[in-house]
Amino acid sequence: MDINTQNTQSGFYRLPTVLSKIPVCRSAWWAGIKSGIYPPGIKIGPRTTAWLQSDIEKLCIRLQEGHLYPTDSDKE
């Protein structure tokens, strides 16, 4: 698979995968969503939430750069 193609594909992460990338407990993750630190998920079922891979990748980059809260440029 071409690297450029791989970067443009989108998919979803379920909570266990998200928490393996962002090392916080479940309650801290949900509190972070409520406070605007972490991106909101997408309901894909009555009891199932998932997050866009691109949103989680952007979050990882933002946190590595030392920015806790998103900036206006992150919304583009």
PDB file of N, CA and C in Angstrom:
ATOM      1  N   MET A   1       0.850  -1.187   0.000  1.00  0.00           N
ATOM      2  CA  MET A   1       0.000   0.000   0.000  1.00  0.00           C
ATOM      3  C   MET A   1       0.886   1.237   0.000  1.00  0.00           C
ATOM      4  N   ASP A   2       0.568   2.178  -0.826  1.00  0.00           N
ATOM      5  CA  ASP A   2       1.291   3.435  -0.928  1.00  0.00           C
ATOM      6  C   ASP A   2       1.121   4.259   0.346  1.00  0.00           C
ATOM      7  N   ILE A   3       2.187   4.891   0.803  1.00  0.00           N
ATOM      8  CA  ILE A   3       2.133   5.690   2.039  1.00  0.00           C
ATOM      9  C   ILE A   3       1.113   6.814   1.917  1.00  0.00           C
ATOM     10  N   ASN A   4       1.051   7.479   0.765  1.00  0.00           N
ATOM     11  CA  ASN A   4       0.095   8.574   0.586  1.00  0.00           C
ATOM     12  C   ASN A   4      -1.341   8.069   0.655  1.00  0.00           C
ATOM     13  N   THR A   5      -1.602   6.911   0.100  1.00  0.00           N
ATOM     14  CA  THR A   5      -2.934   6.318   0.158  1.00  0.00           C
ATOM     15  C   THR A   5      -3.280   5.956   1.589  1.00  0.00           C
ATOM     16  N   GLN A   6      -2.311   5.420   2.314  1.00  0.00           N
ATOM     17  CA  GLN A   6      -2.551   5.008   3.695  1.00  0.00           C
ATOM     18  C   GLN A   6      -2.922   6.202   4.567  1.00  0.00           C
ATOM     19  N   ASN A   7      -2.301   7.349   4.357  1.00  0.00           N
ATOM     20  CA  ASN A   7      -2.577   8.532   5.165  1.00  0.00           C
ATOM     21  C   ASN A   7      -3.924   9.163   4.864  1.00  0.00           C
ATOM     22  N   THR A   8      -4.472   8.919   3.677  1.00  0.00           N
ATOM     23  CA  THR A   8      -5.739   9.544   3.331  1.00  0.00           C
ATOM     24  C   THR A   8      -6.936   8.662   3.679  1.00  0.00           C
ATOM     25  N   GLN A   9      -6.695   7.401   4.025  1.00  0.00           N
ATOM     26  CA  GLN A   9      -7.804   6.529   4.388  1.00  0.00           C
ATOM     27  C   GLN A   9      -8.293   6.883   5.784  1.00  0.00           C
ATOM     28  N   SER A  10      -9.588   6.757   5.969  1.00  0.00           N
ATOM     29  CA  SER A  10     -10.133   7.043   7.289  1.00  0.00           C
ATOM     30  C   SER A  10     -10.801   5.791   7.826  1.00  0.00           C
ATOM     31  N   GLY A  11     -10.818   5.709   9.129  1.00  0.00           N
ATOM     32  CA  GLY A  11     -11.446   4.583   9.789  1.00  0.00           C
ATOM     33  C   GLY A  11     -11.806   5.010  11.197  1.00  0.00           C
ATOM     34  N   PHE A  12     -12.135   4.045  11.999  1.00  0.00           N
ATOM     35  CA  PHE A  12     -12.569   4.327  13.359  1.00  0.00           C
ATOM     36  C   PHE A  12     -11.742   3.542  14.360  1.00  0.00           C
ATOM     37  N   TYR A  13     -11.593   4.118  15.545  1.00  0.00           N
ATOM     38  CA  TYR A  13     -11.004   3.432  16.689  1.00  0.00           C
ATOM     39  C   TYR A  13     -12.078   3.289  17.750  1.00  0.00           C
ATOM     40  N   ARG A  14     -12.140   2.116  18.364  1.00  0.00           N
ATOM     41  CA  ARG A  14     -12.999   1.923  19.523  1.00  0.00           C
ATOM     42  C   ARG A  14     -12.204   2.320  20.758  1.00  0.00           C
ATOM     43  N   LEU A  15     -12.871   2.445  21.886  1.00  0.00           N
ATOM     44  CA  LEU A  15     -12.250   2.971  23.100  1.00  0.00           C
ATOM     45  C   LEU A  15     -10.984   2.220  23.537  1.00  0.00           C
ATOM     46  N   PRO A  16     -10.948   0.883  23.546  1.00  0.00           N
ATOM     47  CA  PRO A  16      -9.703   0.225  23.966  1.00  0.00           C
ATOM     48  C   PRO A  16      -8.487   0.621  23.119  1.00  0.00           C
ATOM     49  N   THR A  17      -8.695   0.800  21.834  1.00  0.00           N
ATOM     50  CA  THR A  17      -7.599   1.212  20.956  1.00  0.00           C
ATOM     51  C   THR A  17      -7.188   2.651  21.240  1.00  0.00           C
ATOM     52  N   VAL A  18      -8.177   3.524  21.445  1.00  0.00           N
ATOM     53  CA  VAL A  18      -7.879   4.925  21.781  1.00  0.00           C
ATOM     54  C   VAL A  18      -7.064   4.981  23.062  1.00  0.00           C
ATOM     55  N   LEU A  19      -7.469   4.222  24.068  1.00  0.00           N
ATOM     56  CA  LEU A  19      -6.777   4.263  25.358  1.00  0.00           C
ATOM     57  C   LEU A  19      -5.391   3.627  25.288  1.00  0.00           C
ATOM     58  N   SER A  20      -5.138   2.792  24.294  1.00  0.00           N
ATOM     59  CA  SER A  20      -3.787   2.263  24.111  1.00  0.00           C
ATOM     60  C   SER A  20      -2.862   3.322  23.516  1.00  0.00           C
ATOM     61  N   LYS A  21      -3.440   4.300  22.818  1.00  0.00           N
ATOM     62  CA  LYS A  21      -2.656   5.378  22.223  1.00  0.00           C
ATOM     63  C   LYS A  21      -2.542   6.590  23.148  1.00  0.00           C
ATOM     64  N   ILE A  22      -3.593   6.856  23.909  1.00  0.00           N
ATOM     65  CA  ILE A  22      -3.626   7.964  24.870  1.00  0.00           C
ATOM     66  C   ILE A  22      -3.716   7.319  26.252  1.00  0.00           C
ATOM     67  N   PRO A  23      -2.624   7.238  26.989  1.00  0.00           N
ATOM     68  CA  PRO A  23      -2.620   6.462  28.241  1.00  0.00           C
ATOM     69  C   PRO A  23      -3.313   7.163  29.412  1.00  0.00           C
ATOM     70  N   VAL A  24      -4.625   7.140  29.392  1.00  0.00           N
ATOM     71  CA  VAL A  24      -5.438   7.645  30.504  1.00  0.00           C
ATOM     72  C   VAL A  24      -6.491   6.589  30.817  1.00  0.00           C
ATOM     73  N   CYS A  25      -7.086   6.668  31.994  1.00  0.00           N
ATOM     74  CA  CYS A  25      -8.142   5.719  32.338  1.00  0.00           C
ATOM     75  C   CYS A  25      -9.449   6.145  31.645  1.00  0.00           C
ATOM     76  N   ARG A  26     -10.398   5.244  31.623  1.00  0.00           N
ATOM     77  CA  ARG A  26     -11.679   5.510  30.953  1.00  0.00           C
ATOM     78  C   ARG A  26     -12.368   6.758  31.495  1.00  0.00           C
ATOM     79  N   SER A  27     -12.403   6.891  32.815  1.00  0.00           N
ATOM     80  CA  SER A  27     -13.111   8.033  33.400  1.00  0.00           C
ATOM     81  C   SER A  27     -12.408   9.346  33.043  1.00  0.00           C
ATOM     82  N   ALA A  28     -11.077   9.331  32.987  1.00  0.00           N
ATOM     83  CA  ALA A  28     -10.350  10.543  32.589  1.00  0.00           C
ATOM     84  C   ALA A  28     -10.604  10.872  31.118  1.00  0.00           C
ATOM     85  N   TRP A  29     -10.735   9.832  30.292  1.00  0.00           N
ATOM     86  CA  TRP A  29     -11.034  10.052  28.867  1.00  0.00           C
ATOM     87  C   TRP A  29     -12.393  10.739  28.703  1.00  0.00           C
ATOM     88  N   TRP A  30     -13.419  10.194  29.378  1.00  0.00           N
ATOM     89  CA  TRP A  30     -14.763  10.779  29.253  1.00  0.00           C
ATOM     90  C   TRP A  30     -14.805  12.183  29.858  1.00  0.00           C
ATOM     91  N   ALA A  31     -14.092  12.422  30.948  1.00  0.00           N
ATOM     92  CA  ALA A  31     -14.032  13.768  31.531  1.00  0.00           C
ATOM     93  C   ALA A  31     -13.318  14.728  30.578  1.00  0.00           C
ATOM     94  N   GLY A  32     -12.293  14.237  29.892  1.00  0.00           N
ATOM     95  CA  GLY A  32     -11.574  15.057  28.909  1.00  0.00           C
ATOM     96  C   GLY A  32     -12.439  15.439  27.724  1.00  0.00           C
ATOM     97  N   ILE A  33     -13.326  14.536  27.329  1.00  0.00           N
ATOM     98  CA  ILE A  33     -14.264  14.864  26.246  1.00  0.00           C
ATOM     99  C   ILE A  33     -15.215  15.960  26.717  1.00  0.00           C
ATOM    100  N   LYS A  34     -15.716  15.799  27.925  1.00  0.00           N
ATOM    101  CA  LYS A  34     -16.657  16.782  28.469  1.00  0.00           C
ATOM    102  C   LYS A  34     -16.022  18.167  28.595  1.00  0.00           C
ATOM    103  N   SER A  35     -14.736  18.210  28.942  1.00  0.00           N
ATOM    104  CA  SER A  35     -14.057  19.497  29.129  1.00  0.00           C
ATOM    105  C   SER A  35     -13.460  20.044  27.827  1.00  0.00           C
ATOM    106  N   GLY A  36     -13.521  19.283  26.737  1.00  0.00           N
ATOM    107  CA  GLY A  36     -13.042  19.769  25.450  1.00  0.00           C
ATOM    108  C   GLY A  36     -11.594  19.433  25.138  1.00  0.00           C
ATOM    109  N   ILE A  37     -10.940  18.652  25.989  1.00  0.00           N
ATOM    110  CA  ILE A  37      -9.557  18.272  25.730  1.00  0.00           C
ATOM    111  C   ILE A  37      -9.481  17.225  24.627  1.00  0.00           C
ATOM    112  N   TYR A  38     -10.371  16.241  24.675  1.00  0.00           N
ATOM    113  CA  TYR A  38     -10.368  15.139  23.724  1.00  0.00           C
ATOM    114  C   TYR A  38     -11.549  15.263  22.769  1.00  0.00           C
ATOM    115  N   PRO A  39     -11.409  14.711  21.549  1.00  0.00           N
ATOM    116  CA  PRO A  39     -12.500  14.832  20.571  1.00  0.00           C
ATOM    117  C   PRO A  39     -13.705  13.972  20.953  1.00  0.00           C
ATOM    118  N   PRO A  40     -14.898  14.450  20.653  1.00  0.00           N
ATOM    119  CA  PRO A  40     -16.085  13.643  20.927  1.00  0.00           C
ATOM    120  C   PRO A  40     -16.143  12.456  19.967  1.00  0.00           C
ATOM    121  N   GLY A  41     -16.727  11.395  20.417  1.00  0.00           N
ATOM    122  CA  GLY A  41     -16.857  10.212  19.580  1.00  0.00           C
ATOM    123  C   GLY A  41     -18.095  10.276  18.711  1.00  0.00           C
ATOM    124  N   ILE A  42     -18.236   9.255  17.905  1.00  0.00           N
ATOM    125  CA  ILE A  42     -19.387   9.110  17.017  1.00  0.00           C
ATOM    126  C   ILE A  42     -20.131   7.855  17.456  1.00  0.00           C
ATOM    127  N   LYS A  43     -21.407   8.000  17.745  1.00  0.00           N
ATOM    128  CA  LYS A  43     -22.216   6.844  18.130  1.00  0.00           C
ATOM    129  C   LYS A  43     -22.436   5.973  16.895  1.00  0.00           C
ATOM    130  N   ILE A  44     -21.990   4.726  16.979  1.00  0.00           N
ATOM    131  CA  ILE A  44     -22.188   3.803  15.859  1.00  0.00           C
ATOM    132  C   ILE A  44     -23.164   2.690  16.231  1.00  0.00           C
ATOM    133  N   GLY A  45     -23.704   2.776  17.420  1.00  0.00           N
ATOM    134  CA  GLY A  45     -24.686   1.809  17.889  1.00  0.00           C
ATOM    135  C   GLY A  45     -25.262   2.314  19.202  1.00  0.00           C
ATOM    136  N   PRO A  46     -26.258   1.628  19.746  1.00  0.00           N
ATOM    137  CA  PRO A  46     -26.888   2.096  20.975  1.00  0.00           C
ATOM    138  C   PRO A  46     -25.926   2.192  22.157  1.00  0.00           C
ATOM    139  N   ARG A  47     -24.932   1.300  22.212  1.00  0.00           N
ATOM    140  CA  ARG A  47     -23.974   1.317  23.321  1.00  0.00           C
ATOM    141  C   ARG A  47     -22.541   1.350  22.824  1.00  0.00           C
ATOM    142  N   THR A  48     -22.358   1.833  21.597  1.00  0.00           N
ATOM    143  CA  THR A  48     -21.040   1.792  20.978  1.00  0.00           C
ATOM    144  C   THR A  48     -20.651   3.166  20.449  1.00  0.00           C
ATOM    145  N   THR A  49     -19.466   3.617  20.852  1.00  0.00           N
ATOM    146  CA  THR A  49     -18.912   4.878  20.383  1.00  0.00           C
ATOM    147  C   THR A  49     -17.562   4.592  19.753  1.00  0.00           C
ATOM    148  N   ALA A  50     -17.252   5.309  18.693  1.00  0.00           N
ATOM    149  CA  ALA A  50     -15.960   5.177  18.029  1.00  0.00           C
ATOM    150  C   ALA A  50     -15.437   6.566  17.710  1.00  0.00           C
ATOM    151  N   TRP A  51     -14.135   6.647  17.458  1.00  0.00           N
ATOM    152  CA  TRP A  51     -13.499   7.922  17.142  1.00  0.00           C
ATOM    153  C   TRP A  51     -12.818   7.791  15.797  1.00  0.00           C
ATOM    154  N   LEU A  52     -12.855   8.875  15.033  1.00  0.00           N
ATOM    155  CA  LEU A  52     -12.169   8.889  13.748  1.00  0.00           C
ATOM    156  C   LEU A  52     -10.673   8.728  13.984  1.00  0.00           C
ATOM    157  N   GLN A  53     -10.040   7.875  13.188  1.00  0.00           N
ATOM    158  CA  GLN A  53      -8.597   7.694  13.309  1.00  0.00           C
ATOM    159  C   GLN A  53      -7.875   9.024  13.134  1.00  0.00           C
ATOM    160  N   SER A  54      -8.340   9.832  12.202  1.00  0.00           N
ATOM    161  CA  SER A  54      -7.682  11.117  11.950  1.00  0.00           C
ATOM    162  C   SER A  54      -7.768  12.031  13.170  1.00  0.00           C
ATOM    163  N   ASP A  55      -8.891  12.011  13.890  1.00  0.00           N
ATOM    164  CA  ASP A  55      -9.020  12.828  15.102  1.00  0.00           C
ATOM    165  C   ASP A  55      -8.047  12.376  16.182  1.00  0.00           C
ATOM    166  N   ILE A  56      -7.886  11.073  16.333  1.00  0.00           N
ATOM    167  CA  ILE A  56      -6.984  10.541  17.357  1.00  0.00           C
ATOM    168  C   ILE A  56      -5.533  10.813  16.970  1.00  0.00           C
ATOM    169  N   GLU A  57      -5.207  10.691  15.690  1.00  0.00           N
ATOM    170  CA  GLU A  57      -3.845  10.991  15.243  1.00  0.00           C
ATOM    171  C   GLU A  57      -3.514  12.461  15.470  1.00  0.00           C
ATOM    172  N   LYS A  58      -4.465  13.360  15.176  1.00  0.00           N
ATOM    173  CA  LYS A  58      -4.257  14.797  15.430  1.00  0.00           C
ATOM    174  C   LYS A  58      -4.086  15.059  16.923  1.00  0.00           C
ATOM    175  N   LEU A  59      -4.869  14.366  17.743  1.00  0.00           N
ATOM    176  CA  LEU A  59      -4.760  14.511  19.192  1.00  0.00           C
ATOM    177  C   LEU A  59      -3.374  14.081  19.671  1.00  0.00           C
ATOM    178  N   CYS A  60      -2.878  12.961  19.174  1.00  0.00           N
ATOM    179  CA  CYS A  60      -1.542  12.485  19.564  1.00  0.00           C
ATOM    180  C   CYS A  60      -0.474  13.515  19.220  1.00  0.00           C
ATOM    181  N   ILE A  61      -0.563  14.086  18.030  1.00  0.00           N
ATOM    182  CA  ILE A  61       0.398  15.098  17.607  1.00  0.00           C
ATOM    183  C   ILE A  61       0.302  16.323  18.501  1.00  0.00           C
ATOM    184  N   ARG A  62      -0.915  16.773  18.760  1.00  0.00           N
ATOM    185  CA  ARG A  62      -1.129  17.950  19.611  1.00  0.00           C
ATOM    186  C   ARG A  62      -0.557  17.731  21.010  1.00  0.00           C
ATOM    187  N   LEU A  63      -0.792  16.576  21.580  1.00  0.00           N
ATOM    188  CA  LEU A  63      -0.283  16.284  22.922  1.00  0.00           C
ATOM    189  C   LEU A  63       1.241  16.171  22.929  1.00  0.00           C
ATOM    190  N   GLN A  64       1.822  15.602  21.858  1.00  0.00           N
ATOM    191  CA  GLN A  64       3.282  15.518  21.761  1.00  0.00           C
ATOM    192  C   GLN A  64       3.911  16.904  21.673  1.00  0.00           C
ATOM    193  N   GLU A  65       3.183  17.841  21.075  1.00  0.00           N
ATOM    194  CA  GLU A  65       3.676  19.214  20.962  1.00  0.00           C
ATOM    195  C   GLU A  65       3.460  20.008  22.247  1.00  0.00           C
ATOM    196  N   GLY A  66       2.776  19.398  23.212  1.00  0.00           N
ATOM    197  CA  GLY A  66       2.578  20.041  24.504  1.00  0.00           C
ATOM    198  C   GLY A  66       1.340  20.899  24.610  1.00  0.00           C
ATOM    199  N   HIS A  67       0.414  20.756  23.666  1.00  0.00           N
ATOM    200  CA  HIS A  67      -0.822  21.534  23.685  1.00  0.00           C
ATOM    201  C   HIS A  67      -1.948  20.664  24.238  1.00  0.00           C
ATOM    202  N   LEU A  68      -2.475  21.056  25.384  1.00  0.00           N
ATOM    203  CA  LEU A  68      -3.537  20.260  25.994  1.00  0.00           C
ATOM    204  C   LEU A  68      -4.872  20.486  25.292  1.00  0.00           C
ATOM    205  N   TYR A  69      -5.216  21.743  25.052  1.00  0.00           N
ATOM    206  CA  TYR A  69      -6.501  22.066  24.430  1.00  0.00           C
ATOM    207  C   TYR A  69      -6.304  22.356  22.946  1.00  0.00           C
ATOM    208  N   PRO A  70      -7.298  22.015  22.133  1.00  0.00           N
ATOM    209  CA  PRO A  70      -7.186  22.309  20.693  1.00  0.00           C
ATOM    210  C   PRO A  70      -7.224  23.809  20.441  1.00  0.00           C
ATOM    211  N   THR A  71      -6.554  24.196  19.347  1.00  0.00           N
ATOM    212  CA  THR A  71      -6.593  25.587  18.929  1.00  0.00           C
ATOM    213  C   THR A  71      -7.556  25.724  17.761  1.00  0.00           C
ATOM    214  N   ASP A  72      -7.822  26.946  17.336  1.00  0.00           N
ATOM    215  CA  ASP A  72      -8.730  27.158  16.211  1.00  0.00           C
ATOM    216  C   ASP A  72      -8.197  26.515  14.943  1.00  0.00           C
ATOM    217  N   SER A  73      -6.879  26.468  14.770  1.00  0.00           N
ATOM    218  CA  SER A  73      -6.304  25.869  13.557  1.00  0.00           C
ATOM    219  C   SER A  73      -6.522  24.357  13.520  1.00  0.00           C
ATOM    220  N   ASP A  74      -6.783  23.702  14.661  1.00  0.00           N
ATOM    221  CA  ASP A  74      -7.045  22.257  14.690  1.00  0.00           C
ATOM    222  C   ASP A  74      -8.397  21.929  14.094  1.00  0.00           C
ATOM    223  N   LYS A  75      -9.305  22.878  14.028  1.00  0.00           N
ATOM    224  CA  LYS A  75     -10.658  22.626  13.542  1.00  0.00           C
ATOM    225  C   LYS A  75     -10.739  22.614  12.021  1.00  0.00           C
ATOM    226  N   GLU A  76      -9.680  23.021  11.334  1.00  0.00           N
ATOM    227  CA  GLU A  76      -9.704  23.081   9.870  1.00  0.00           C
ATOM    228  C   GLU A  76      -9.568  21.725   9.256  1.00  0.00           C
TER     229      GLU A  76
END
